[in-house]
Amino acid sequence: MSSAKPLRIASINTNGVRAAYRKGMGDWLDARDVDILAIQEVRASTEDLEGLLGPVWNILHDAATAKGRAGVALASRSRASIHRVALGAEEFDSAGRWLEADYEVDGQIITVVSTYVHSGETDTPKQVEKYKFLDAMIARLPELSMHSPLALVLGDLNVGHRTLDIKNWRGNKKHAGFLPEEREYFDRILGAEGDERYNAGAGLGWVDVGRKWAGEVEGPYTWWSQRGKAFDTDTGWRLDYHLASPQLAASVVSYVVDRAAAYDQRWSDHSPVVVDYDLSKEAHS
């Protein structure tokens, strides 16, 4: 892969890739000149993915244990040098939720992870599984940092870290996705709100690219409920992240949420998050 131009990396929870393609995902992908695409909630076979994306893409896919559930993938213009799917203890089932790959870009290795965190449900076994996954992710992040100074975890993390990340945060303080216990995991990764080094070296030192680029503003949201007028009134959640190592975060030159122009033009309940990384800045720094 060549970085003559910035490396464009996109993430999207498709809510089922076959349905997304029927509604227009292929037209979006054809127009966006993406180099590496992370997909969550694939809900399809590898053969389905290959047929939909076509032969120009090299596809890695980790399906969930339960057929038709979850599933994560990475699609790239050139082949990954290696990929890994294990996360957490052996007895922990992370299938379909964590996929790592190393890509060589002009002599530099960038490690990219497509991940889909459980949505959870307050006071149920689903929430217990979510915390197990977040524990495993927290344990893996320092290892990723040591493995490569250019590391990126992206996908639907199913947690709004701060009040800026959810329009109706007051009404969701006791709901999965905005529970204090969930948000504390992100404090450990990025630093807590009010910490002078928040998103700039606090916690495990990772950088929330979306918040860094957008600044201290509401949103930009990436998911809206299908019910009511949530999309039309922009009553959304910012659940889809690019979490970058500091060196990689320093190379960002563009961050865009590809929000559909109208409700009937959506092909998923999430919007793609597209970021350009100019790795030549790192090569010459």
Protein backbone atom coordinates (compact mmCIF):
# COMPACT_ATOMS: atom_id res chain seq x y z
CA MET A 1 0.00 0.00 0.00
CA SER A 2 1.37 3.42 -0.92
CA SER A 3 0.89 6.60 1.08
CA ALA A 4 1.44 8.98 -1.87
CA LYS A 5 -1.90 10.30 -0.70
CA PRO A 6 -3.24 10.11 2.86
CA LEU A 7 -4.35 6.66 3.95
CA ARG A 8 -8.15 6.69 4.10
CA ILE A 9 -9.62 4.39 6.76
CA ALA A 10 -13.36 4.06 7.26
CA SER A 11 -15.48 2.26 9.82
CA ILE A 12 -19.15 1.31 9.56
CA ASN A 13 -21.59 -0.82 11.48
CA THR A 14 -23.67 -2.08 8.56
CA ASN A 15 -26.45 -3.63 10.66
CA GLY A 16 -26.22 -6.54 8.22
CA VAL A 17 -24.02 -6.07 5.15
CA ARG A 18 -26.39 -7.74 2.68
CA ALA A 19 -29.25 -5.40 3.62
CA ALA A 20 -26.85 -2.43 3.55
CA TYR A 21 -25.82 -3.28 -0.02
CA ARG A 22 -29.43 -3.58 -1.10
CA LYS A 23 -29.99 -0.04 0.20
CA GLY A 24 -26.93 1.62 -1.36
CA MET A 25 -23.73 0.85 0.56
CA GLY A 26 -21.95 -0.15 -2.64
CA ASP A 27 -22.53 3.27 -4.21
CA TRP A 28 -21.10 4.94 -1.09
CA LEU A 29 -18.02 2.71 -1.08
CA ASP A 30 -17.39 3.20 -4.81
CA ALA A 31 -17.40 6.97 -4.33
CA ARG A 32 -15.25 7.25 -1.18
CA ASP A 33 -11.82 5.94 -2.31
CA VAL A 34 -11.28 4.04 0.94
CA ASP A 35 -8.02 2.14 1.48
CA ILE A 36 -8.99 0.13 4.58
CA LEU A 37 -12.59 -0.52 5.59
CA ALA A 38 -13.62 -1.86 9.00
CA ILE A 39 -17.08 -3.41 9.12
CA GLN A 40 -19.10 -4.40 12.17
CA GLU A 41 -22.33 -6.39 12.39
CA VAL A 42 -21.51 -8.16 9.14
CA ARG A 43 -24.15 -10.86 9.78
CA ALA A 44 -23.13 -12.73 6.64
CA SER A 45 -20.64 -15.31 5.38
CA THR A 46 -17.17 -14.57 4.02
CA GLU A 47 -18.46 -15.65 0.61
CA ASP A 48 -21.26 -13.09 0.88
CA LEU A 49 -18.76 -10.37 1.71
CA GLU A 50 -16.47 -11.29 -1.18
CA GLY A 51 -19.38 -11.31 -3.59
CA LEU A 52 -20.66 -7.92 -2.44
CA LEU A 53 -17.34 -6.04 -2.22
CA GLY A 54 -15.79 -7.66 -5.31
CA PRO A 55 -12.31 -8.88 -6.24
CA VAL A 56 -10.50 -5.54 -5.74
CA TRP A 57 -10.75 -6.00 -1.98
CA ASN A 58 -8.73 -8.31 0.26
CA ILE A 59 -11.11 -9.42 2.99
CA LEU A 60 -10.55 -10.70 6.51
CA HIS A 61 -13.69 -11.79 8.36
CA ASP A 62 -14.31 -13.14 11.83
CA ALA A 63 -17.85 -14.44 12.16
CA ALA A 64 -19.72 -14.73 15.44
CA THR A 65 -20.28 -18.11 17.08
CA ALA A 66 -24.03 -17.62 16.70
CA LYS A 67 -24.97 -17.53 13.02
CA GLY A 68 -26.47 -14.24 11.84
CA ARG A 69 -25.13 -12.25 14.82
CA ALA A 70 -22.32 -9.68 15.10
CA GLY A 71 -19.33 -10.41 12.85
CA VAL A 72 -16.40 -8.07 12.12
CA ALA A 73 -14.35 -7.64 8.96
CA LEU A 74 -11.46 -5.70 7.49
CA ALA A 75 -11.30 -5.04 3.75
CA SER A 76 -8.20 -3.51 2.18
CA ARG A 77 -6.71 -2.72 -1.21
CA SER A 78 -3.59 -4.74 -0.35
CA ARG A 79 -3.14 -7.82 1.77
CA ALA A 80 -2.50 -7.72 5.51
CA SER A 81 0.84 -9.18 6.56
CA ILE A 82 -0.76 -10.95 9.54
CA HIS A 83 -4.06 -10.97 11.40
CA ARG A 84 -5.27 -12.03 14.84
CA VAL A 85 -8.72 -12.64 16.30
CA ALA A 86 -8.14 -13.81 19.88
CA LEU A 87 -9.07 -11.45 22.70
CA GLY A 88 -9.17 -12.13 26.42
CA ALA A 89 -9.03 -15.45 28.24
CA GLU A 90 -9.43 -18.72 26.35
CA GLU A 91 -12.86 -19.38 27.78
CA PHE A 92 -14.11 -15.95 26.70
CA ASP A 93 -16.01 -16.00 23.40
CA SER A 94 -14.92 -12.91 21.45
CA ALA A 95 -15.73 -14.43 18.05
CA GLY A 96 -17.22 -11.89 15.68
CA ARG A 97 -16.19 -8.93 17.80
CA TRP A 98 -12.41 -8.34 17.52
CA LEU A 99 -10.19 -8.57 14.43
CA GLU A 100 -6.65 -7.19 14.23
CA ALA A 101 -4.46 -6.90 11.14
CA ASP A 102 -1.06 -5.44 10.28
CA TYR A 103 -0.67 -3.52 7.01
CA GLU A 104 2.56 -2.28 5.48
CA VAL A 105 2.34 1.26 4.13
CA ASP A 106 5.57 2.56 2.56
CA GLY A 107 7.73 0.55 4.93
CA GLN A 108 5.71 1.37 8.04
CA ILE A 109 3.43 -1.11 9.81
CA ILE A 110 0.00 0.12 10.86
CA THR A 111 -2.09 -2.15 13.07
CA VAL A 112 -5.84 -1.83 12.55
CA VAL A 113 -8.58 -3.38 14.68
CA SER A 114 -12.23 -3.70 13.72
CA THR A 115 -14.27 -4.24 16.87
CA TYR A 116 -17.90 -4.49 17.87
CA VAL A 117 -18.56 -4.09 21.58
CA HIS A 118 -21.71 -5.67 22.99
CA SER A 119 -24.70 -3.34 23.23
CA GLY A 120 -25.47 -4.70 26.69
CA GLU A 121 -28.64 -4.40 28.76
CA THR A 122 -28.68 -3.03 32.29
CA ASP A 123 -28.79 -5.67 35.07
CA THR A 124 -28.74 -8.64 32.71
CA PRO A 125 -26.14 -11.26 31.63
CA LYS A 126 -25.72 -9.23 28.43
CA GLN A 127 -24.22 -6.40 30.48
CA VAL A 128 -21.89 -8.83 32.25
CA GLU A 129 -20.60 -9.98 28.85
CA LYS A 130 -20.10 -6.36 27.81
CA TYR A 131 -17.94 -5.69 30.87
CA LYS A 132 -15.92 -8.86 30.22
CA PHE A 133 -15.24 -7.65 26.70
CA LEU A 134 -14.28 -4.14 27.85
CA ASP A 135 -11.94 -5.67 30.45
CA ALA A 136 -10.26 -7.72 27.72
CA MET A 137 -10.00 -4.66 25.47
CA ILE A 138 -8.42 -2.58 28.24
CA ALA A 139 -5.85 -5.34 28.76
CA ARG A 140 -5.07 -5.58 25.04
CA LEU A 141 -4.60 -1.85 24.32
CA PRO A 142 -1.15 -1.49 25.98
CA GLU A 143 0.00 -4.59 24.11
CA LEU A 144 -1.12 -3.03 20.83
CA SER A 145 0.78 0.16 21.67
CA MET A 146 3.93 -1.87 22.23
CA HIS A 147 3.37 -3.91 19.08
CA SER A 148 3.16 -0.87 16.80
CA PRO A 149 3.47 2.91 17.33
CA LEU A 150 0.86 3.23 14.56
CA ALA A 151 -2.18 1.47 16.01
CA LEU A 152 -5.88 2.06 15.48
CA VAL A 153 -8.94 0.54 17.17
CA LEU A 154 -12.09 1.42 15.32
CA GLY A 155 -15.69 0.38 15.27
CA ASP A 156 -18.95 0.45 17.17
CA LEU A 157 -17.87 0.64 20.81
CA ASN A 158 -21.45 1.00 22.05
CA VAL A 159 -20.57 3.56 24.75
CA GLY A 160 -20.98 7.30 24.74
CA HIS A 161 -18.03 8.54 26.78
CA ARG A 162 -19.19 12.06 27.56
CA THR A 163 -22.40 14.10 27.63
CA LEU A 164 -21.30 15.60 24.31
CA ASP A 165 -21.63 12.15 22.77
CA ILE A 166 -25.37 11.70 23.39
CA LYS A 167 -28.08 14.23 22.62
CA ASN A 168 -30.45 12.99 25.31
CA TRP A 169 -27.82 12.12 27.91
CA ARG A 170 -29.96 13.07 30.90
CA GLY A 171 -32.56 10.47 29.98
CA ASN A 172 -29.97 7.73 29.42
CA LYS A 173 -27.87 7.81 32.59
CA LYS A 174 -29.34 4.47 33.72
CA HIS A 175 -29.32 2.82 30.29
CA ALA A 176 -26.68 0.64 28.68
CA GLY A 177 -24.39 2.75 26.53
CA PHE A 178 -24.13 5.61 29.01
CA LEU A 179 -23.80 3.90 32.38
CA PRO A 180 -21.16 5.42 34.70
CA GLU A 181 -19.40 2.04 34.88
CA GLU A 182 -19.12 1.88 31.09
CA ARG A 183 -17.90 5.45 30.77
CA GLU A 184 -15.18 4.77 33.35
CA TYR A 185 -13.56 2.35 30.92
CA PHE A 186 -13.14 5.25 28.50
CA ASP A 187 -11.75 7.41 31.30
CA ARG A 188 -9.06 4.75 31.66
CA ILE A 189 -8.35 4.75 27.92
CA LEU A 190 -8.49 8.50 27.20
CA GLY A 191 -8.57 10.27 30.55
CA ALA A 192 -11.57 11.73 32.31
CA GLU A 193 -13.40 14.90 31.36
CA GLY A 194 -11.74 17.77 33.19
CA ASP A 195 -8.31 16.12 33.24
CA GLU A 196 -5.97 18.64 31.61
CA ARG A 197 -4.38 15.75 29.68
CA TYR A 198 -7.72 14.28 28.58
CA ASN A 199 -7.38 12.91 25.04
CA ALA A 200 -3.77 14.07 25.02
CA GLY A 201 -1.81 11.45 26.94
CA ALA A 202 -4.03 10.73 29.94
CA GLY A 203 -5.18 7.22 30.80
CA LEU A 204 -3.62 4.62 28.52
CA GLY A 205 -2.62 7.43 26.18
CA TRP A 206 -4.95 6.67 23.28
CA VAL A 207 -6.63 9.46 21.33
CA ASP A 208 -10.32 9.70 20.43
CA VAL A 209 -9.83 11.08 16.92
CA GLY A 210 -13.46 12.14 16.55
CA ARG A 211 -13.46 14.29 19.67
CA LYS A 212 -9.98 15.65 18.97
CA TRP A 213 -11.01 16.73 15.48
CA ALA A 214 -14.54 17.99 16.25
CA GLY A 215 -13.63 19.76 19.49
CA GLU A 216 -15.93 20.46 22.41
CA VAL A 217 -19.21 20.32 20.49
CA GLU A 218 -22.27 18.07 20.61
CA GLY A 219 -21.70 15.00 18.47
CA PRO A 220 -21.01 14.57 15.65
CA TYR A 221 -23.38 11.65 16.15
CA THR A 222 -22.97 8.35 14.32
CA TRP A 223 -26.08 6.37 15.34
CA TRP A 224 -29.76 7.22 15.55
CA SER A 225 -32.66 5.09 16.71
CA GLN A 226 -34.89 3.83 13.91
CA ARG A 227 -37.89 4.82 16.01
CA GLY A 228 -39.63 8.18 15.80
CA LYS A 229 -37.89 11.23 14.38
CA ALA A 230 -34.47 10.65 15.96
CA PHE A 231 -32.58 11.03 12.68
CA ASP A 232 -34.55 14.03 11.46
CA THR A 233 -34.03 15.87 14.78
CA ASP A 234 -30.41 14.66 15.10
CA THR A 235 -31.16 13.02 18.45
CA GLY A 236 -28.22 10.69 18.14
CA TRP A 237 -25.34 8.97 19.89
CA ARG A 238 -21.64 9.00 18.98
CA LEU A 239 -20.87 5.31 19.32
CA ASP A 240 -18.46 4.75 16.40
CA TYR A 241 -14.84 5.58 17.16
CA HIS A 242 -11.35 5.81 15.76
CA LEU A 243 -9.11 5.30 18.82
CA ALA A 244 -5.55 5.99 17.67
CA SER A 245 -2.12 5.72 19.20
CA PRO A 246 -0.62 9.19 19.75
CA GLN A 247 1.77 8.92 16.79
CA LEU A 248 -1.01 7.87 14.43
CA ALA A 249 -3.41 10.50 15.80
CA ALA A 250 -0.83 13.18 14.97
CA SER A 251 -1.11 12.22 11.29
CA VAL A 252 -4.87 12.90 10.95
CA VAL A 253 -5.69 15.43 8.23
CA SER A 254 -9.45 14.84 7.85
CA TYR A 255 -12.33 13.41 9.90
CA VAL A 256 -15.82 13.05 8.45
CA VAL A 257 -19.05 11.38 9.55
CA ASP A 258 -20.87 10.49 6.33
CA ARG A 259 -24.35 11.29 7.57
CA ALA A 260 -27.03 10.59 4.97
CA ALA A 261 -28.73 13.65 3.49
CA ALA A 262 -32.18 12.30 4.39
CA TYR A 263 -33.74 9.47 6.39
CA ASP A 264 -34.77 7.52 3.29
CA GLN A 265 -31.20 7.64 1.93
CA ARG A 266 -29.74 5.72 4.87
CA TRP A 267 -28.44 2.21 4.34
CA SER A 268 -27.68 1.53 8.03
CA ASP A 269 -28.76 2.97 11.36
CA HIS A 270 -25.11 4.01 11.77
CA SER A 271 -23.14 6.41 9.58
CA PRO A 272 -19.62 5.70 8.31
CA VAL A 273 -16.72 7.45 10.02
CA VAL A 274 -14.00 8.26 7.47
CA VAL A 275 -10.55 9.49 8.52
CA ASP A 276 -7.49 10.39 6.43
CA TYR A 277 -4.08 9.61 7.96
CA ASP A 278 -1.04 11.22 6.30
CA LEU A 279 1.66 8.77 7.31
CA SER A 280 4.29 10.77 5.44
CA LYS A 281 4.08 13.28 8.28
CA GLU A 282 5.31 10.54 10.59
CA ALA A 283 7.95 9.25 8.21
CA HIS A 284 9.55 12.70 8.07
CA SER A 285 8.97 13.80 11.65
